[in-house]
Amino acid sequence: MWRTTASLAAYVRAEVRHPMADGTPGQANTMGDALLFGPMAALANPVLLVAEGR
């Protein structure tokens, strides 16, 4: 799960990835050099975020 607001990001995108070559899902919840993913399967178009009442 990832949360944001329109004040922090103008848009978000969903990214879907295949498992890594060894069959594991990878370490999608870490940052930095340890960030390991399998090959990309799909990337969504941007979903624009707009603050209400402004």
Protein backbone atom coordinates (compact mmCIF):
# COMPACT_ATOMS: atom_id res chain seq x y z
CA MET A 1 0.00 0.00 0.00
CA TRP A 2 1.20 3.50 -0.81
CA ARG A 3 -0.55 6.72 0.17
CA THR A 4 -0.17 10.24 -1.16
CA THR A 5 -2.17 13.42 -1.63
CA ALA A 6 -2.63 15.89 -4.46
CA SER A 7 -0.44 18.34 -2.53
CA LEU A 8 2.46 15.84 -2.64
CA ALA A 9 2.05 14.38 -6.14
CA ALA A 10 0.40 15.64 -9.32
CA TYR A 11 -0.21 12.08 -10.57
CA VAL A 12 0.36 8.40 -9.77
CA ARG A 13 0.93 5.35 -11.98
CA ALA A 14 0.46 1.64 -11.29
CA GLU A 15 3.29 -0.67 -12.29
CA VAL A 16 2.88 -4.47 -12.54
CA ARG A 17 5.93 -6.72 -12.64
CA HIS A 18 6.56 -10.41 -13.23
CA PRO A 19 8.28 -12.45 -10.49
CA MET A 20 12.07 -12.47 -10.50
CA ALA A 21 13.90 -15.22 -12.42
CA ASP A 22 14.16 -17.34 -9.25
CA GLY A 23 10.35 -17.20 -8.79
CA THR A 24 10.38 -14.83 -5.81
CA PRO A 25 8.38 -11.58 -5.85
CA GLY A 26 11.47 -9.47 -5.10
CA GLN A 27 11.84 -6.77 -2.47
CA ALA A 28 9.23 -4.25 -3.53
CA ASN A 29 9.05 -2.67 -0.08
CA THR A 30 12.70 -1.61 0.20
CA MET A 31 14.56 1.41 -1.13
CA GLY A 32 18.06 1.90 -2.46
CA ASP A 33 20.43 -0.64 -4.01
CA ALA A 34 18.41 -3.57 -2.60
CA LEU A 35 15.38 -2.63 -4.73
CA LEU A 36 14.96 -5.74 -6.87
CA PHE A 37 12.07 -6.39 -9.25
CA GLY A 38 11.28 -8.81 -12.04
CA PRO A 39 10.66 -7.62 -15.59
CA MET A 40 7.86 -5.10 -16.18
CA ALA A 41 4.52 -6.54 -17.30
CA ALA A 42 2.39 -3.37 -17.46
CA LEU A 43 2.46 0.35 -16.70
CA ALA A 44 -0.76 2.33 -16.26
CA ASN A 45 -1.41 5.74 -17.75
CA PRO A 46 -1.05 8.57 -15.23
CA VAL A 47 -3.96 9.10 -12.85
CA LEU A 48 -4.11 12.85 -12.18
CA LEU A 49 -4.66 13.94 -8.58
CA VAL A 50 -6.65 17.11 -7.92
CA ALA A 51 -7.26 18.69 -4.52
CA GLU A 52 -10.98 19.25 -3.83
CA GLY A 53 -12.24 22.71 -2.84
CA ARG A 54 -9.39 24.77 -4.22
